Amino acid sequence: MPEWLCLLRPERIAMVAEGPTEEEADAVERHFAYLVRLAQSGSVRLAGRTTTEDEHVFGIVVFEAPSEADARAQVDADPAIAEGVMSAEVFPFHVAVERPATPRQPGP
């Protein structure tokens, strides 16, 4: 199955640096739940974000989808994207090296 990389950026940097509004926090919570569901279904391989809190902050999602249109539809269905809290760019991607799965504690 083709792989894709989604590059996510907050539309408002202050959301990360100073804290989200109530609406942003709600959208981000639903964004996280959406990614967890996609990971549980096998579509998302990994997701995370930088720990920077300035204009360099970004997140990535590496996932599988049968076509670019399907990949874009999956990204556009993300609540944070749909509600304009984050912007997203989608790129064709290929994971070349991956370590074996190890249990991880949920992070921030």
PDB file of N, CA and C in Angstrom:
ATOM      1  N   MET A   1       0.863  -1.179   0.000  1.00  0.00           N
ATOM      2  CA  MET A   1       0.000   0.000   0.000  1.00  0.00           C
ATOM      3  C   MET A   1       0.908   1.241   0.000  1.00  0.00           C
ATOM      4  N   PRO A   2       0.614   2.220  -0.819  1.00  0.00           N
ATOM      5  CA  PRO A   2       1.414   3.453  -0.843  1.00  0.00           C
ATOM      6  C   PRO A   2       1.431   4.154   0.522  1.00  0.00           C
ATOM      7  N   GLU A   3       2.568   4.764   0.797  1.00  0.00           N
ATOM      8  CA  GLU A   3       2.750   5.498   2.053  1.00  0.00           C
ATOM      9  C   GLU A   3       2.768   6.994   1.776  1.00  0.00           C
ATOM     10  N   TRP A   4       2.365   7.748   2.791  1.00  0.00           N
ATOM     11  CA  TRP A   4       2.262   9.206   2.688  1.00  0.00           C
ATOM     12  C   TRP A   4       2.780   9.837   3.959  1.00  0.00           C
ATOM     13  N   LEU A   5       3.315  11.029   3.816  1.00  0.00           N
ATOM     14  CA  LEU A   5       3.728  11.822   4.969  1.00  0.00           C
ATOM     15  C   LEU A   5       2.887  13.088   4.973  1.00  0.00           C
ATOM     16  N   CYS A   6       2.283  13.358   6.107  1.00  0.00           N
ATOM     17  CA  CYS A   6       1.510  14.578   6.278  1.00  0.00           C
ATOM     18  C   CYS A   6       2.302  15.492   7.210  1.00  0.00           C
ATOM     19  N   LEU A   7       2.575  16.698   6.760  1.00  0.00           N
ATOM     20  CA  LEU A   7       3.261  17.711   7.552  1.00  0.00           C
ATOM     21  C   LEU A   7       2.196  18.669   8.079  1.00  0.00           C
ATOM     22  N   LEU A   8       2.082  18.742   9.394  1.00  0.00           N
ATOM     23  CA  LEU A   8       1.065  19.573  10.045  1.00  0.00           C
ATOM     24  C   LEU A   8       1.706  20.770  10.721  1.00  0.00           C
ATOM     25  N   ARG A   9       1.062  21.901  10.610  1.00  0.00           N
ATOM     26  CA  ARG A   9       1.515  23.115  11.295  1.00  0.00           C
ATOM     27  C   ARG A   9       0.308  23.809  11.914  1.00  0.00           C
ATOM     28  N   PRO A  10       0.473  24.348  13.113  1.00  0.00           N
ATOM     29  CA  PRO A  10      -0.639  25.100  13.698  1.00  0.00           C
ATOM     30  C   PRO A  10      -0.880  26.384  12.913  1.00  0.00           C
ATOM     31  N   GLU A  11      -2.122  26.744  12.743  1.00  0.00           N
ATOM     32  CA  GLU A  11      -2.446  27.998  12.057  1.00  0.00           C
ATOM     33  C   GLU A  11      -2.111  29.204  12.938  1.00  0.00           C
ATOM     34  N   ARG A  12      -2.115  29.001  14.242  1.00  0.00           N
ATOM     35  CA  ARG A  12      -1.815  30.075  15.191  1.00  0.00           C
ATOM     36  C   ARG A  12      -0.711  29.569  16.109  1.00  0.00           C
ATOM     37  N   ILE A  13       0.515  30.083  15.925  1.00  0.00           N
ATOM     38  CA  ILE A  13       1.671  29.630  16.706  1.00  0.00           C
ATOM     39  C   ILE A  13       1.427  29.816  18.204  1.00  0.00           C
ATOM     40  N   ALA A  14       0.717  30.858  18.582  1.00  0.00           N
ATOM     41  CA  ALA A  14       0.443  31.104  20.001  1.00  0.00           C
ATOM     42  C   ALA A  14      -0.319  29.940  20.635  1.00  0.00           C
ATOM     43  N   MET A  15      -1.006  29.146  19.832  1.00  0.00           N
ATOM     44  CA  MET A  15      -1.705  27.982  20.369  1.00  0.00           C
ATOM     45  C   MET A  15      -0.712  27.068  21.086  1.00  0.00           C
ATOM     46  N   VAL A  16       0.493  26.943  20.543  1.00  0.00           N
ATOM     47  CA  VAL A  16       1.516  26.090  21.125  1.00  0.00           C
ATOM     48  C   VAL A  16       2.304  26.855  22.186  1.00  0.00           C
ATOM     49  N   ALA A  17       2.681  28.081  21.887  1.00  0.00           N
ATOM     50  CA  ALA A  17       3.538  28.856  22.784  1.00  0.00           C
ATOM     51  C   ALA A  17       2.808  29.344  24.030  1.00  0.00           C
ATOM     52  N   GLU A  18       1.567  29.765  23.874  1.00  0.00           N
ATOM     53  CA  GLU A  18       0.836  30.364  24.997  1.00  0.00           C
ATOM     54  C   GLU A  18      -0.320  29.510  25.490  1.00  0.00           C
ATOM     55  N   GLY A  19      -0.721  28.551  24.680  1.00  0.00           N
ATOM     56  CA  GLY A  19      -1.833  27.685  25.034  1.00  0.00           C
ATOM     57  C   GLY A  19      -2.996  27.872  24.082  1.00  0.00           C
ATOM     58  N   PRO A  20      -3.760  26.802  23.899  1.00  0.00           N
ATOM     59  CA  PRO A  20      -4.864  26.851  22.944  1.00  0.00           C
ATOM     60  C   PRO A  20      -6.101  27.532  23.510  1.00  0.00           C
ATOM     61  N   THR A  21      -6.912  28.041  22.607  1.00  0.00           N
ATOM     62  CA  THR A  21      -8.241  28.496  22.998  1.00  0.00           C
ATOM     63  C   THR A  21      -9.064  27.246  23.306  1.00  0.00           C
ATOM     64  N   GLU A  22     -10.241  27.419  23.846  1.00  0.00           N
ATOM     65  CA  GLU A  22     -11.111  26.286  24.137  1.00  0.00           C
ATOM     66  C   GLU A  22     -11.450  25.523  22.853  1.00  0.00           C
ATOM     67  N   GLU A  23     -11.723  26.259  21.782  1.00  0.00           N
ATOM     68  CA  GLU A  23     -12.056  25.627  20.507  1.00  0.00           C
ATOM     69  C   GLU A  23     -10.861  24.864  19.940  1.00  0.00           C
ATOM     70  N   GLU A  24      -9.658  25.460  20.030  1.00  0.00           N
ATOM     71  CA  GLU A  24      -8.459  24.783  19.544  1.00  0.00           C
ATOM     72  C   GLU A  24      -8.191  23.514  20.355  1.00  0.00           C
ATOM     73  N   ALA A  25      -8.317  23.613  21.662  1.00  0.00           N
ATOM     74  CA  ALA A  25      -8.078  22.450  22.522  1.00  0.00           C
ATOM     75  C   ALA A  25      -9.030  21.316  22.175  1.00  0.00           C
ATOM     76  N   ASP A  26     -10.291  21.652  21.938  1.00  0.00           N
ATOM     77  CA  ASP A  26     -11.280  20.640  21.561  1.00  0.00           C
ATOM     78  C   ASP A  26     -10.917  19.995  20.227  1.00  0.00           C
ATOM     79  N   ALA A  27     -10.537  20.801  19.248  1.00  0.00           N
ATOM     80  CA  ALA A  27     -10.167  20.271  17.933  1.00  0.00           C
ATOM     81  C   ALA A  27      -8.921  19.394  18.019  1.00  0.00           C
ATOM     82  N   VAL A  28      -7.944  19.800  18.824  1.00  0.00           N
ATOM     83  CA  VAL A  28      -6.711  19.024  18.966  1.00  0.00           C
ATOM     84  C   VAL A  28      -6.999  17.695  19.675  1.00  0.00           C
ATOM     85  N   GLU A  29      -7.879  17.714  20.647  1.00  0.00           N
ATOM     86  CA  GLU A  29      -8.260  16.476  21.330  1.00  0.00           C
ATOM     87  C   GLU A  29      -8.910  15.503  20.345  1.00  0.00           C
ATOM     88  N   ARG A  30      -9.795  16.008  19.497  1.00  0.00           N
ATOM     89  CA  ARG A  30     -10.446  15.157  18.501  1.00  0.00           C
ATOM     90  C   ARG A  30      -9.465  14.728  17.414  1.00  0.00           C
ATOM     91  N   HIS A  31      -8.502  15.586  17.085  1.00  0.00           N
ATOM     92  CA  HIS A  31      -7.428  15.261  16.144  1.00  0.00           C
ATOM     93  C   HIS A  31      -6.640  14.055  16.668  1.00  0.00           C
ATOM     94  N   PHE A  32      -6.272  14.098  17.947  1.00  0.00           N
ATOM     95  CA  PHE A  32      -5.508  13.005  18.538  1.00  0.00           C
ATOM     96  C   PHE A  32      -6.331  11.708  18.521  1.00  0.00           C
ATOM     97  N   ALA A  33      -7.586  11.792  18.898  1.00  0.00           N
ATOM     98  CA  ALA A  33      -8.459  10.610  18.898  1.00  0.00           C
ATOM     99  C   ALA A  33      -8.609  10.046  17.479  1.00  0.00           C
ATOM    100  N   TYR A  34      -8.699  10.924  16.492  1.00  0.00           N
ATOM    101  CA  TYR A  34      -8.801  10.512  15.091  1.00  0.00           C
ATOM    102  C   TYR A  34      -7.552   9.731  14.683  1.00  0.00           C
ATOM    103  N   LEU A  35      -6.367  10.251  15.032  1.00  0.00           N
ATOM    104  CA  LEU A  35      -5.126   9.574  14.687  1.00  0.00           C
ATOM    105  C   LEU A  35      -5.015   8.228  15.392  1.00  0.00           C
ATOM    106  N   VAL A  36      -5.447   8.163  16.647  1.00  0.00           N
ATOM    107  CA  VAL A  36      -5.416   6.895  17.382  1.00  0.00           C
ATOM    108  C   VAL A  36      -6.308   5.863  16.686  1.00  0.00           C
ATOM    109  N   ARG A  37      -7.498   6.271  16.275  1.00  0.00           N
ATOM    110  CA  ARG A  37      -8.395   5.347  15.563  1.00  0.00           C
ATOM    111  C   ARG A  37      -7.747   4.859  14.268  1.00  0.00           C
ATOM    112  N   LEU A  38      -7.110   5.764  13.532  1.00  0.00           N
ATOM    113  CA  LEU A  38      -6.453   5.372  12.278  1.00  0.00           C
ATOM    114  C   LEU A  38      -5.268   4.446  12.544  1.00  0.00           C
ATOM    115  N   ALA A  39      -4.555   4.665  13.633  1.00  0.00           N
ATOM    116  CA  ALA A  39      -3.444   3.775  13.989  1.00  0.00           C
ATOM    117  C   ALA A  39      -3.977   2.395  14.367  1.00  0.00           C
ATOM    118  N   GLN A  40      -5.059   2.364  15.110  1.00  0.00           N
ATOM    119  CA  GLN A  40      -5.649   1.084  15.512  1.00  0.00           C
ATOM    120  C   GLN A  40      -6.177   0.306  14.309  1.00  0.00           C
ATOM    121  N   SER A  41      -6.637   1.021  13.288  1.00  0.00           N
ATOM    122  CA  SER A  41      -7.139   0.347  12.088  1.00  0.00           C
ATOM    123  C   SER A  41      -6.007  -0.049  11.138  1.00  0.00           C
ATOM    124  N   GLY A  42      -4.777   0.392  11.418  1.00  0.00           N
ATOM    125  CA  GLY A  42      -3.624   0.021  10.609  1.00  0.00           C
ATOM    126  C   GLY A  42      -3.209   1.035   9.569  1.00  0.00           C
ATOM    127  N   SER A  43      -3.914   2.143   9.454  1.00  0.00           N
ATOM    128  CA  SER A  43      -3.581   3.144   8.445  1.00  0.00           C
ATOM    129  C   SER A  43      -2.384   3.999   8.863  1.00  0.00           C
ATOM    130  N   VAL A  44      -2.409   4.512  10.076  1.00  0.00           N
ATOM    131  CA  VAL A  44      -1.323   5.375  10.564  1.00  0.00           C
ATOM    132  C   VAL A  44      -0.198   4.508  11.115  1.00  0.00           C
ATOM    133  N   ARG A  45       1.008   4.765  10.626  1.00  0.00           N
ATOM    134  CA  ARG A  45       2.193   4.040  11.107  1.00  0.00           C
ATOM    135  C   ARG A  45       2.841   4.760  12.274  1.00  0.00           C
ATOM    136  N   LEU A  46       2.870   6.080  12.204  1.00  0.00           N
ATOM    137  CA  LEU A  46       3.405   6.865  13.318  1.00  0.00           C
ATOM    138  C   LEU A  46       2.908   8.289  13.199  1.00  0.00           C
ATOM    139  N   ALA A  47       2.859   8.948  14.324  1.00  0.00           N
ATOM    140  CA  ALA A  47       2.463  10.365  14.363  1.00  0.00           C
ATOM    141  C   ALA A  47       3.150  10.999  15.555  1.00  0.00           C
ATOM    142  N   GLY A  48       3.514  12.254  15.398  1.00  0.00           N
ATOM    143  CA  GLY A  48       4.146  12.975  16.493  1.00  0.00           C
ATOM    144  C   GLY A  48       4.407  14.408  16.094  1.00  0.00           C
ATOM    145  N   ARG A  49       4.985  15.150  17.037  1.00  0.00           N
ATOM    146  CA  ARG A  49       5.289  16.557  16.761  1.00  0.00           C
ATOM    147  C   ARG A  49       6.587  16.943  17.415  1.00  0.00           C
ATOM    148  N   THR A  50       7.133  18.037  16.916  1.00  0.00           N
ATOM    149  CA  THR A  50       8.329  18.581  17.545  1.00  0.00           C
ATOM    150  C   THR A  50       7.935  19.123  18.914  1.00  0.00           C
ATOM    151  N   THR A  51       8.906  19.262  19.782  1.00  0.00           N
ATOM    152  CA  THR A  51       8.621  19.822  21.103  1.00  0.00           C
ATOM    153  C   THR A  51       8.952  21.305  21.169  1.00  0.00           C
ATOM    154  N   THR A  52       9.257  21.888  20.024  1.00  0.00           N
ATOM    155  CA  THR A  52       9.498  23.320  19.968  1.00  0.00           C
ATOM    156  C   THR A  52       8.183  24.065  20.160  1.00  0.00           C
ATOM    157  N   GLU A  53       8.272  25.275  20.631  1.00  0.00           N
ATOM    158  CA  GLU A  53       7.073  26.075  20.879  1.00  0.00           C
ATOM    159  C   GLU A  53       7.170  27.433  20.194  1.00  0.00           C
ATOM    160  N   ASP A  54       7.755  27.424  18.996  1.00  0.00           N
ATOM    161  CA  ASP A  54       7.907  28.665  18.237  1.00  0.00           C
ATOM    162  C   ASP A  54       7.495  28.406  16.789  1.00  0.00           C
ATOM    163  N   GLU A  55       7.910  29.263  15.905  1.00  0.00           N
ATOM    164  CA  GLU A  55       7.493  29.136  14.510  1.00  0.00           C
ATOM    165  C   GLU A  55       8.039  27.879  13.826  1.00  0.00           C
ATOM    166  N   HIS A  56       8.909  27.147  14.497  1.00  0.00           N
ATOM    167  CA  HIS A  56       9.472  25.928  13.929  1.00  0.00           C
ATOM    168  C   HIS A  56       8.687  24.672  14.309  1.00  0.00           C
ATOM    169  N   VAL A  57       7.628  24.813  15.070  1.00  0.00           N
ATOM    170  CA  VAL A  57       6.847  23.651  15.499  1.00  0.00           C
ATOM    171  C   VAL A  57       6.110  23.024  14.318  1.00  0.00           C
ATOM    172  N   PHE A  58       6.105  21.695  14.274  1.00  0.00           N
ATOM    173  CA  PHE A  58       5.332  20.983  13.271  1.00  0.00           C
ATOM    174  C   PHE A  58       5.094  19.565  13.758  1.00  0.00           C
ATOM    175  N   GLY A  59       4.135  18.917  13.141  1.00  0.00           N
ATOM    176  CA  GLY A  59       3.862  17.512  13.403  1.00  0.00           C
ATOM    177  C   GLY A  59       3.939  16.740  12.108  1.00  0.00           C
ATOM    178  N   ILE A  60       4.111  15.427  12.241  1.00  0.00           N
ATOM    179  CA  ILE A  60       4.085  14.566  11.065  1.00  0.00           C
ATOM    180  C   ILE A  60       3.204  13.360  11.340  1.00  0.00           C
ATOM    181  N   VAL A  61       2.643  12.856  10.282  1.00  0.00           N
ATOM    182  CA  VAL A  61       1.908  11.595  10.316  1.00  0.00           C
ATOM    183  C   VAL A  61       2.371  10.801   9.106  1.00  0.00           C
ATOM    184  N   VAL A  62       2.827   9.590   9.345  1.00  0.00           N
ATOM    185  CA  VAL A  62       3.161   8.677   8.253  1.00  0.00           C
ATOM    186  C   VAL A  62       2.042   7.646   8.221  1.00  0.00           C
ATOM    187  N   PHE A  63       1.416   7.531   7.065  1.00  0.00           N
ATOM    188  CA  PHE A  63       0.250   6.659   6.966  1.00  0.00           C
ATOM    189  C   PHE A  63       0.159   6.023   5.591  1.00  0.00           C
ATOM    190  N   GLU A  64      -0.753   5.068   5.474  1.00  0.00           N
ATOM    191  CA  GLU A  64      -0.962   4.369   4.217  1.00  0.00           C
ATOM    192  C   GLU A  64      -2.332   4.729   3.663  1.00  0.00           C
ATOM    193  N   ALA A  65      -2.393   4.865   2.354  1.00  0.00           N
ATOM    194  CA  ALA A  65      -3.656   5.109   1.645  1.00  0.00           C
ATOM    195  C   ALA A  65      -3.453   4.653   0.207  1.00  0.00           C
ATOM    196  N   PRO A  66      -4.498   4.147  -0.442  1.00  0.00           N
ATOM    197  CA  PRO A  66      -4.337   3.595  -1.789  1.00  0.00           C
ATOM    198  C   PRO A  66      -3.986   4.603  -2.877  1.00  0.00           C
ATOM    199  N   SER A  67      -4.356   5.870  -2.688  1.00  0.00           N
ATOM    200  CA  SER A  67      -4.072   6.874  -3.722  1.00  0.00           C
ATOM    201  C   SER A  67      -3.875   8.236  -3.065  1.00  0.00           C
ATOM    202  N   GLU A  68      -3.368   9.168  -3.855  1.00  0.00           N
ATOM    203  CA  GLU A  68      -3.195  10.530  -3.339  1.00  0.00           C
ATOM    204  C   GLU A  68      -4.543  11.138  -2.964  1.00  0.00           C
ATOM    205  N   ALA A  69      -5.568  10.876  -3.749  1.00  0.00           N
ATOM    206  CA  ALA A  69      -6.904  11.399  -3.427  1.00  0.00           C
ATOM    207  C   ALA A  69      -7.404  10.826  -2.104  1.00  0.00           C
ATOM    208  N   ASP A  70      -7.183   9.538  -1.883  1.00  0.00           N
ATOM    209  CA  ASP A  70      -7.582   8.920  -0.616  1.00  0.00           C
ATOM    210  C   ASP A  70      -6.758   9.474   0.542  1.00  0.00           C
ATOM    211  N   ALA A  71      -5.471   9.694   0.306  1.00  0.00           N
ATOM    212  CA  ALA A  71      -4.610  10.258   1.349  1.00  0.00           C
ATOM    213  C   ALA A  71      -5.101  11.652   1.731  1.00  0.00           C
ATOM    214  N   ARG A  72      -5.387  12.468   0.729  1.00  0.00           N
ATOM    215  CA  ARG A  72      -5.856  13.830   0.988  1.00  0.00           C
ATOM    216  C   ARG A  72      -7.209  13.813   1.708  1.00  0.00           C
ATOM    217  N   ALA A  73      -8.089  12.901   1.316  1.00  0.00           N
ATOM    218  CA  ALA A  73      -9.396  12.802   1.970  1.00  0.00           C
ATOM    219  C   ALA A  73      -9.235  12.417   3.438  1.00  0.00           C
ATOM    220  N   GLN A  74      -8.300  11.518   3.715  1.00  0.00           N
ATOM    221  CA  GLN A  74      -8.053  11.106   5.095  1.00  0.00           C
ATOM    222  C   GLN A  74      -7.538  12.283   5.915  1.00  0.00           C
ATOM    223  N   VAL A  75      -6.641  13.058   5.344  1.00  0.00           N
ATOM    224  CA  VAL A  75      -6.098  14.236   6.033  1.00  0.00           C
ATOM    225  C   VAL A  75      -7.188  15.293   6.214  1.00  0.00           C
ATOM    226  N   ASP A  76      -7.956  15.541   5.174  1.00  0.00           N
ATOM    227  CA  ASP A  76      -9.007  16.564   5.241  1.00  0.00           C
ATOM    228  C   ASP A  76     -10.093  16.215   6.253  1.00  0.00           C
ATOM    229  N   ALA A  77     -10.260  14.923   6.563  1.00  0.00           N
ATOM    230  CA  ALA A  77     -11.263  14.499   7.549  1.00  0.00           C
ATOM    231  C   ALA A  77     -10.793  14.689   8.986  1.00  0.00           C
ATOM    232  N   ASP A  78      -9.528  15.009   9.174  1.00  0.00           N
ATOM    233  CA  ASP A  78      -8.985  15.269  10.511  1.00  0.00           C
ATOM    234  C   ASP A  78      -9.661  16.520  11.066  1.00  0.00           C
ATOM    235  N   PRO A  79     -10.238  16.446  12.267  1.00  0.00           N
ATOM    236  CA  PRO A  79     -10.949  17.607  12.828  1.00  0.00           C
ATOM    237  C   PRO A  79     -10.101  18.882  12.896  1.00  0.00           C
ATOM    238  N   ALA A  80      -8.827  18.771  13.221  1.00  0.00           N
ATOM    239  CA  ALA A  80      -7.984  19.966  13.323  1.00  0.00           C
ATOM    240  C   ALA A  80      -7.771  20.625  11.969  1.00  0.00           C
ATOM    241  N   ILE A  81      -7.757  19.829  10.911  1.00  0.00           N
ATOM    242  CA  ILE A  81      -7.624  20.370   9.556  1.00  0.00           C
ATOM    243  C   ILE A  81      -8.969  20.934   9.109  1.00  0.00           C
ATOM    244  N   ALA A  82     -10.012  20.146   9.296  1.00  0.00           N
ATOM    245  CA  ALA A  82     -11.351  20.549   8.849  1.00  0.00           C
ATOM    246  C   ALA A  82     -11.795  21.855   9.502  1.00  0.00           C
ATOM    247  N   GLU A  83     -11.355  22.094  10.732  1.00  0.00           N
ATOM    248  CA  GLU A  83     -11.767  23.291  11.457  1.00  0.00           C
ATOM    249  C   GLU A  83     -10.750  24.421  11.390  1.00  0.00           C
ATOM    250  N   GLY A  84      -9.689  24.246  10.601  1.00  0.00           N
ATOM    251  CA  GLY A  84      -8.723  25.325  10.391  1.00  0.00           C
ATOM    252  C   GLY A  84      -7.777  25.578  11.537  1.00  0.00           C
ATOM    253  N   VAL A  85      -7.652  24.638  12.458  1.00  0.00           N
ATOM    254  CA  VAL A  85      -6.718  24.797  13.579  1.00  0.00           C
ATOM    255  C   VAL A  85      -5.293  24.489  13.125  1.00  0.00           C
ATOM    256  N   MET A  86      -5.171  23.588  12.168  1.00  0.00           N
ATOM    257  CA  MET A  86      -3.871  23.221  11.607  1.00  0.00           C
ATOM    258  C   MET A  86      -3.971  23.236  10.083  1.00  0.00           C
ATOM    259  N   SER A  87      -2.820  23.418   9.455  1.00  0.00           N
ATOM    260  CA  SER A  87      -2.728  23.248   8.007  1.00  0.00           C
ATOM    261  C   SER A  87      -1.962  21.957   7.750  1.00  0.00           C
ATOM    262  N   ALA A  88      -2.135  21.405   6.556  1.00  0.00           N
ATOM    263  CA  ALA A  88      -1.486  20.138   6.251  1.00  0.00           C
ATOM    264  C   ALA A  88      -0.990  20.111   4.810  1.00  0.00           C
ATOM    265  N   GLU A  89       0.172  19.511   4.633  1.00  0.00           N
ATOM    266  CA  GLU A  89       0.708  19.209   3.317  1.00  0.00           C
ATOM    267  C   GLU A  89       0.892  17.697   3.259  1.00  0.00           C
ATOM    268  N   VAL A  90       0.597  17.094   2.121  1.00  0.00           N
ATOM    269  CA  VAL A  90       0.703  15.648   1.966  1.00  0.00           C
ATOM    270  C   VAL A  90       1.744  15.341   0.886  1.00  0.00           C
ATOM    271  N   PHE A  91       2.643  14.413   1.209  1.00  0.00           N
ATOM    272  CA  PHE A  91       3.715  14.038   0.290  1.00  0.00           C
ATOM    273  C   PHE A  91       3.762  12.522   0.127  1.00  0.00           C
ATOM    274  N   PRO A  92       4.037  12.031  -1.076  1.00  0.00           N
ATOM    275  CA  PRO A  92       4.314  10.600  -1.218  1.00  0.00           C
ATOM    276  C   PRO A  92       5.552  10.293  -0.376  1.00  0.00           C
ATOM    277  N   PHE A  93       5.577   9.129   0.245  1.00  0.00           N
ATOM    278  CA  PHE A  93       6.651   8.826   1.190  1.00  0.00           C
ATOM    279  C   PHE A  93       6.948   7.336   1.132  1.00  0.00           C
ATOM    280  N   HIS A  94       8.155   6.987   1.507  1.00  0.00           N
ATOM    281  CA  HIS A  94       8.527   5.576   1.597  1.00  0.00           C
ATOM    282  C   HIS A  94       9.382   5.388   2.844  1.00  0.00           C
ATOM    283  N   VAL A  95       8.906   4.563   3.755  1.00  0.00           N
ATOM    284  CA  VAL A  95       9.701   4.221   4.935  1.00  0.00           C
ATOM    285  C   VAL A  95      10.782   3.245   4.482  1.00  0.00           C
ATOM    286  N   ALA A  96      12.041   3.630   4.648  1.00  0.00           N
ATOM    287  CA  ALA A  96      13.155   2.799   4.203  1.00  0.00           C
ATOM    288  C   ALA A  96      13.724   1.942   5.330  1.00  0.00           C
ATOM    289  N   VAL A  97      13.708   2.461   6.545  1.00  0.00           N
ATOM    290  CA  VAL A  97      14.235   1.738   7.700  1.00  0.00           C
ATOM    291  C   VAL A  97      13.276   1.960   8.853  1.00  0.00           C
ATOM    292  N   GLU A  98      12.972   0.880   9.547  1.00  0.00           N
ATOM    293  CA  GLU A  98      12.069   0.988  10.685  1.00  0.00           C
ATOM    294  C   GLU A  98      12.517  -0.038  11.719  1.00  0.00           C
ATOM    295  N   ARG A  99      12.636   0.389  12.967  1.00  0.00           N
ATOM    296  CA  ARG A  99      13.013  -0.576  13.999  1.00  0.00           C
ATOM    297  C   ARG A  99      11.800  -1.429  14.363  1.00  0.00           C
ATOM    298  N   PRO A 100      12.045  -2.593  14.918  1.00  0.00           N
ATOM    299  CA  PRO A 100      10.916  -3.433  15.335  1.00  0.00           C
ATOM    300  C   PRO A 100      10.056  -2.708  16.371  1.00  0.00           C
ATOM    301  N   ALA A 101       8.782  -3.008  16.367  1.00  0.00           N
ATOM    302  CA  ALA A 101       7.839  -2.350  17.287  1.00  0.00           C
ATOM    303  C   ALA A 101       8.226  -2.629  18.728  1.00  0.00           C
ATOM    304  N   THR A 102       8.186  -1.581  19.537  1.00  0.00           N
ATOM    305  CA  THR A 102       8.413  -1.701  20.969  1.00  0.00           C
ATOM    306  C   THR A 102       7.306  -0.942  21.685  1.00  0.00           C
ATOM    307  N   PRO A 103       6.847  -1.442  22.815  1.00  0.00           N
ATOM    308  CA  PRO A 103       5.809  -0.712  23.557  1.00  0.00           C
ATOM    309  C   PRO A 103       6.314   0.669  23.976  1.00  0.00           C
ATOM    310  N   ARG A 104       5.450   1.663  23.840  1.00  0.00           N
ATOM    311  CA  ARG A 104       5.792   3.038  24.236  1.00  0.00           C
ATOM    312  C   ARG A 104       4.730   3.566  25.163  1.00  0.00           C
ATOM    313  N   GLN A 105       5.168   4.415  26.068  1.00  0.00           N
ATOM    314  CA  GLN A 105       4.236   5.133  26.919  1.00  0.00           C
ATOM    315  C   GLN A 105       3.701   6.311  26.116  1.00  0.00           C
ATOM    316  N   PRO A 106       2.418   6.648  26.265  1.00  0.00           N
ATOM    317  CA  PRO A 106       1.885   7.833  25.575  1.00  0.00           C
ATOM    318  C   PRO A 106       2.680   9.079  25.970  1.00  0.00           C
ATOM    319  N   GLY A 107       2.958   9.916  24.990  1.00  0.00           N
ATOM    320  CA  GLY A 107       3.708  11.145  25.247  1.00  0.00           C
ATOM    321  C   GLY A 107       2.804  12.353  25.180  1.00  0.00           C
ATOM    322  N   PRO A 108       3.392  13.504  25.403  1.00  0.00           N
ATOM    323  CA  PRO A 108       2.602  14.742  25.365  1.00  0.00           C
ATOM    324  C   PRO A 108       2.059  15.064  23.999  1.00  0.00           C
TER     325      PRO A 108
END
